[in-house]
């Protein structure tokens, strides 16, 4: 079936679930917060720079970027987080997530376009749509390109 695609699932906030297409994911790795080099004068959701394979990689708190409370609230500086590395047009960036779920096949024909009332404006800017999973939960389909091309970043690169 051509409409089936592989997505990486993860949680947002306490209850929300999201997926992002595997075609834009280069790697998923554990990052120690102590290894992230903070950069002054940046929006608070941009955590800083991480040395990844000898490259400087920007890391972002995806939850805060989407209007959720920061991932770093009440987190020990030494704790480790999962970072998902995206690549689009030869550029990489990473976002941290609280909990990774599985890689799952999603029938893209089941993905509905978000109405203006479904998500907060912050979330809709980075969402390609949503679908209802087998547990009858709404799952956001995040748009990797929109995340990477966010005006917040492009002014920094």
C-alpha atoms as a PDB file:
ATOM      1  CA  UNK A   1       0.000   0.000   0.000  1.00  0.00           C
ATOM      2  CA  UNK A   2       1.547   3.231  -1.113  1.00  0.00           C
ATOM      3  CA  UNK A   3      -0.233   5.314   1.464  1.00  0.00           C
ATOM      4  CA  UNK A   4       1.532   3.510   4.336  1.00  0.00           C
ATOM      5  CA  UNK A   5       4.546   5.389   5.708  1.00  0.00           C
ATOM      6  CA  UNK A   6       6.795   4.831   8.686  1.00  0.00           C
ATOM      7  CA  UNK A   7       6.661   7.405  11.472  1.00  0.00           C
ATOM      8  CA  UNK A   8       8.457   7.800  14.777  1.00  0.00           C
ATOM      9  CA  UNK A   9       6.014   8.346  17.631  1.00  0.00           C
ATOM     10  CA  UNK A  10       6.680  10.325  20.816  1.00  0.00           C
ATOM     11  CA  UNK A  11       4.779  12.140  23.515  1.00  0.00           C
ATOM     12  CA  UNK A  12       4.231  15.875  23.877  1.00  0.00           C
ATOM     13  CA  UNK A  13       3.374  17.268  27.287  1.00  0.00           C
ATOM     14  CA  UNK A  14       1.561  14.889  29.609  1.00  0.00           C
ATOM     15  CA  UNK A  15      -1.059  13.443  27.313  1.00  0.00           C
ATOM     16  CA  UNK A  16      -0.490  14.364  23.706  1.00  0.00           C
ATOM     17  CA  UNK A  17       1.037  12.089  21.113  1.00  0.00           C
ATOM     18  CA  UNK A  18       2.808  13.033  17.919  1.00  0.00           C
ATOM     19  CA  UNK A  19       4.562  11.378  15.011  1.00  0.00           C
ATOM     20  CA  UNK A  20       7.112  12.609  12.532  1.00  0.00           C
ATOM     21  CA  UNK A  21       7.951  10.931   9.238  1.00  0.00           C
ATOM     22  CA  UNK A  22      11.025   8.699   9.356  1.00  0.00           C
ATOM     23  CA  UNK A  23      12.153   9.992   5.985  1.00  0.00           C
ATOM     24  CA  UNK A  24      13.507  13.155   7.656  1.00  0.00           C
ATOM     25  CA  UNK A  25      15.093  11.466  10.695  1.00  0.00           C
ATOM     26  CA  UNK A  26      18.825  10.798  10.514  1.00  0.00           C
ATOM     27  CA  UNK A  27      19.379   9.464  14.002  1.00  0.00           C
ATOM     28  CA  UNK A  28      17.911   9.190  17.467  1.00  0.00           C
ATOM     29  CA  UNK A  29      20.377   9.429  20.327  1.00  0.00           C
ATOM     30  CA  UNK A  30      20.644  10.045  24.015  1.00  0.00           C
ATOM     31  CA  UNK A  31      22.016  13.446  24.938  1.00  0.00           C
ATOM     32  CA  UNK A  32      23.239  14.523  28.338  1.00  0.00           C
ATOM     33  CA  UNK A  33      21.993  18.015  29.151  1.00  0.00           C
ATOM     34  CA  UNK A  34      25.450  18.810  30.524  1.00  0.00           C
ATOM     35  CA  UNK A  35      26.874  18.404  26.995  1.00  0.00           C
ATOM     36  CA  UNK A  36      24.655  21.059  25.450  1.00  0.00           C
ATOM     37  CA  UNK A  37      26.400  24.377  25.105  1.00  0.00           C
ATOM     38  CA  UNK A  38      23.925  27.180  25.776  1.00  0.00           C
ATOM     39  CA  UNK A  39      23.886  30.178  23.457  1.00  0.00           C
ATOM     40  CA  UNK A  40      22.893  33.611  24.819  1.00  0.00           C
ATOM     41  CA  UNK A  41      20.239  35.830  23.211  1.00  0.00           C
ATOM     42  CA  UNK A  42      18.246  32.896  21.853  1.00  0.00           C
ATOM     43  CA  UNK A  43      14.559  32.057  22.257  1.00  0.00           C
ATOM     44  CA  UNK A  44      14.212  29.904  25.373  1.00  0.00           C
ATOM     45  CA  UNK A  45      13.148  26.829  23.424  1.00  0.00           C
ATOM     46  CA  UNK A  46      16.552  26.755  21.702  1.00  0.00           C
ATOM     47  CA  UNK A  47      18.670  24.820  24.173  1.00  0.00           C
ATOM     48  CA  UNK A  48      22.001  25.403  22.448  1.00  0.00           C
ATOM     49  CA  UNK A  49      24.624  23.607  20.433  1.00  0.00           C
ATOM     50  CA  UNK A  50      25.674  19.979  20.729  1.00  0.00           C
ATOM     51  CA  UNK A  51      28.743  18.342  19.224  1.00  0.00           C
ATOM     52  CA  UNK A  52      27.315  15.646  16.950  1.00  0.00           C
ATOM     53  CA  UNK A  53      29.740  13.653  14.792  1.00  0.00           C
ATOM     54  CA  UNK A  54      32.107  16.614  14.973  1.00  0.00           C
ATOM     55  CA  UNK A  55      29.432  18.999  13.708  1.00  0.00           C
ATOM     56  CA  UNK A  56      27.702  21.780  15.598  1.00  0.00           C
ATOM     57  CA  UNK A  57      24.093  20.741  15.935  1.00  0.00           C
ATOM     58  CA  UNK A  58      21.360  23.069  17.202  1.00  0.00           C
ATOM     59  CA  UNK A  59      19.085  21.427  19.750  1.00  0.00           C
ATOM     60  CA  UNK A  60      15.589  22.649  20.465  1.00  0.00           C
ATOM     61  CA  UNK A  61      13.039  21.853  23.162  1.00  0.00           C
ATOM     62  CA  UNK A  62      10.217  20.818  20.847  1.00  0.00           C
ATOM     63  CA  UNK A  63       7.626  20.924  23.612  1.00  0.00           C
ATOM     64  CA  UNK A  64       8.392  24.516  24.490  1.00  0.00           C
ATOM     65  CA  UNK A  65       8.512  25.442  20.804  1.00  0.00           C
ATOM     66  CA  UNK A  66       4.967  24.064  20.454  1.00  0.00           C
ATOM     67  CA  UNK A  67       3.682  25.950  23.488  1.00  0.00           C
ATOM     68  CA  UNK A  68       3.914  23.199  26.111  1.00  0.00           C
ATOM     69  CA  UNK A  69       5.778  23.662  29.401  1.00  0.00           C
ATOM     70  CA  UNK A  70       9.534  23.307  28.943  1.00  0.00           C
ATOM     71  CA  UNK A  71      10.993  19.796  29.046  1.00  0.00           C
ATOM     72  CA  UNK A  72      13.642  21.127  31.364  1.00  0.00           C
ATOM     73  CA  UNK A  73      11.264  22.036  34.164  1.00  0.00           C
ATOM     74  CA  UNK A  74      12.295  20.119  37.265  1.00  0.00           C
ATOM     75  CA  UNK A  75      14.913  18.165  35.331  1.00  0.00           C
ATOM     76  CA  UNK A  76      18.321  17.406  36.757  1.00  0.00           C
ATOM     77  CA  UNK A  77      21.142  19.004  34.782  1.00  0.00           C
ATOM     78  CA  UNK A  78      22.841  15.606  34.560  1.00  0.00           C
ATOM     79  CA  UNK A  79      19.844  13.823  33.142  1.00  0.00           C
ATOM     80  CA  UNK A  80      19.781  12.424  29.680  1.00  0.00           C
ATOM     81  CA  UNK A  81      17.138  13.126  27.073  1.00  0.00           C
ATOM     82  CA  UNK A  82      16.355  11.576  23.735  1.00  0.00           C
ATOM     83  CA  UNK A  83      17.243  13.759  20.776  1.00  0.00           C
ATOM     84  CA  UNK A  84      15.749  13.201  17.352  1.00  0.00           C
ATOM     85  CA  UNK A  85      18.007  14.495  14.581  1.00  0.00           C
ATOM     86  CA  UNK A  86      16.208  15.823  11.509  1.00  0.00           C
ATOM     87  CA  UNK A  87      17.776  16.444   8.144  1.00  0.00           C
ATOM     88  CA  UNK A  88      16.240  18.543   5.413  1.00  0.00           C
ATOM     89  CA  UNK A  89      18.081  19.924   2.399  1.00  0.00           C
ATOM     90  CA  UNK A  90      21.419  18.883   3.879  1.00  0.00           C
ATOM     91  CA  UNK A  91      20.847  20.802   7.134  1.00  0.00           C
ATOM     92  CA  UNK A  92      20.549  19.059  10.479  1.00  0.00           C
ATOM     93  CA  UNK A  93      18.963  20.036  13.745  1.00  0.00           C
ATOM     94  CA  UNK A  94      17.831  18.076  16.741  1.00  0.00           C
ATOM     95  CA  UNK A  95      14.863  18.251  19.037  1.00  0.00           C
ATOM     96  CA  UNK A  96      14.554  16.769  22.485  1.00  0.00           C
ATOM     97  CA  UNK A  97      11.576  14.683  23.491  1.00  0.00           C
ATOM     98  CA  UNK A  98      10.355  13.354  26.795  1.00  0.00           C
ATOM     99  CA  UNK A  99       9.352   9.853  25.707  1.00  0.00           C
ATOM    100  CA  UNK A 100       9.874   8.047  22.456  1.00  0.00           C
ATOM    101  CA  UNK A 101       7.230   5.547  21.473  1.00  0.00           C
ATOM    102  CA  UNK A 102       7.460   3.104  18.604  1.00  0.00           C
ATOM    103  CA  UNK A 103       8.136   3.368  14.965  1.00  0.00           C
ATOM    104  CA  UNK A 104       4.762   2.795  13.424  1.00  0.00           C
ATOM    105  CA  UNK A 105       3.200   2.456  10.030  1.00  0.00           C
ATOM    106  CA  UNK A 106       0.581   5.093   9.411  1.00  0.00           C
ATOM    107  CA  UNK A 107      -1.837   5.131   6.526  1.00  0.00           C
ATOM    108  CA  UNK A 108      -1.339   8.693   5.324  1.00  0.00           C
ATOM    109  CA  UNK A 109      -4.822   8.675   3.820  1.00  0.00           C
ATOM    110  CA  UNK A 110      -6.162   8.555   7.390  1.00  0.00           C
ATOM    111  CA  UNK A 111      -4.421  11.829   8.247  1.00  0.00           C
ATOM    112  CA  UNK A 112      -6.924  14.656   8.471  1.00  0.00           C
ATOM    113  CA  UNK A 113      -6.070  18.282   7.923  1.00  0.00           C
ATOM    114  CA  UNK A 114      -6.303  20.312  11.099  1.00  0.00           C
ATOM    115  CA  UNK A 115      -9.155  22.780  11.357  1.00  0.00           C
ATOM    116  CA  UNK A 116      -8.273  26.093  12.941  1.00  0.00           C
ATOM    117  CA  UNK A 117     -10.010  25.025  16.136  1.00  0.00           C
ATOM    118  CA  UNK A 118      -8.206  21.691  16.576  1.00  0.00           C
ATOM    119  CA  UNK A 119      -4.783  22.899  17.714  1.00  0.00           C
ATOM    120  CA  UNK A 120      -3.316  25.970  19.278  1.00  0.00           C
ATOM    121  CA  UNK A 121      -1.796  28.304  16.649  1.00  0.00           C
ATOM    122  CA  UNK A 122       1.684  27.372  17.870  1.00  0.00           C
ATOM    123  CA  UNK A 123       1.053  23.698  17.215  1.00  0.00           C
ATOM    124  CA  UNK A 124      -0.766  24.179  13.912  1.00  0.00           C
ATOM    125  CA  UNK A 125       2.202  26.037  12.432  1.00  0.00           C
ATOM    126  CA  UNK A 126       4.217  22.806  12.659  1.00  0.00           C
ATOM    127  CA  UNK A 127       1.521  20.212  12.011  1.00  0.00           C
ATOM    128  CA  UNK A 128       0.614  18.516   8.741  1.00  0.00           C
ATOM    129  CA  UNK A 129      -2.523  17.024  10.230  1.00  0.00           C
ATOM    130  CA  UNK A 130      -3.674  14.458  12.723  1.00  0.00           C
ATOM    131  CA  UNK A 131      -5.175  11.004  12.885  1.00  0.00           C
ATOM    132  CA  UNK A 132      -6.949   8.904  15.478  1.00  0.00           C
ATOM    133  CA  UNK A 133      -4.957   5.844  16.539  1.00  0.00           C
ATOM    134  CA  UNK A 134      -6.237   2.410  17.560  1.00  0.00           C
ATOM    135  CA  UNK A 135      -6.584   3.592  21.178  1.00  0.00           C
ATOM    136  CA  UNK A 136      -8.802   6.400  19.876  1.00  0.00           C
ATOM    137  CA  UNK A 137      -6.237   9.031  20.791  1.00  0.00           C
ATOM    138  CA  UNK A 138      -5.562  12.000  18.569  1.00  0.00           C
ATOM    139  CA  UNK A 139      -2.005  11.923  17.209  1.00  0.00           C
ATOM    140  CA  UNK A 140      -0.404  15.010  15.652  1.00  0.00           C
ATOM    141  CA  UNK A 141       1.574  14.538  12.464  1.00  0.00           C
ATOM    142  CA  UNK A 142       4.386  17.054  12.815  1.00  0.00           C
ATOM    143  CA  UNK A 143       5.931  18.648   9.766  1.00  0.00           C
ATOM    144  CA  UNK A 144       9.711  18.267   9.915  1.00  0.00           C
ATOM    145  CA  UNK A 145      10.225  20.868   7.181  1.00  0.00           C
ATOM    146  CA  UNK A 146       8.100  23.447   9.001  1.00  0.00           C
ATOM    147  CA  UNK A 147      10.036  22.833  12.231  1.00  0.00           C
ATOM    148  CA  UNK A 148      13.360  23.287  10.459  1.00  0.00           C
ATOM    149  CA  UNK A 149      12.239  26.281   8.447  1.00  0.00           C
ATOM    150  CA  UNK A 150      10.720  28.052  11.428  1.00  0.00           C
ATOM    151  CA  UNK A 151      11.502  31.787  11.279  1.00  0.00           C
ATOM    152  CA  UNK A 152      12.892  31.385  14.778  1.00  0.00           C
ATOM    153  CA  UNK A 153      15.759  29.311  13.374  1.00  0.00           C
ATOM    154  CA  UNK A 154      16.336  30.868  10.062  1.00  0.00           C
ATOM    155  CA  UNK A 155      17.266  34.122  11.735  1.00  0.00           C
ATOM    156  CA  UNK A 156      19.946  32.224  13.696  1.00  0.00           C
ATOM    157  CA  UNK A 157      21.636  30.277  10.890  1.00  0.00           C
END
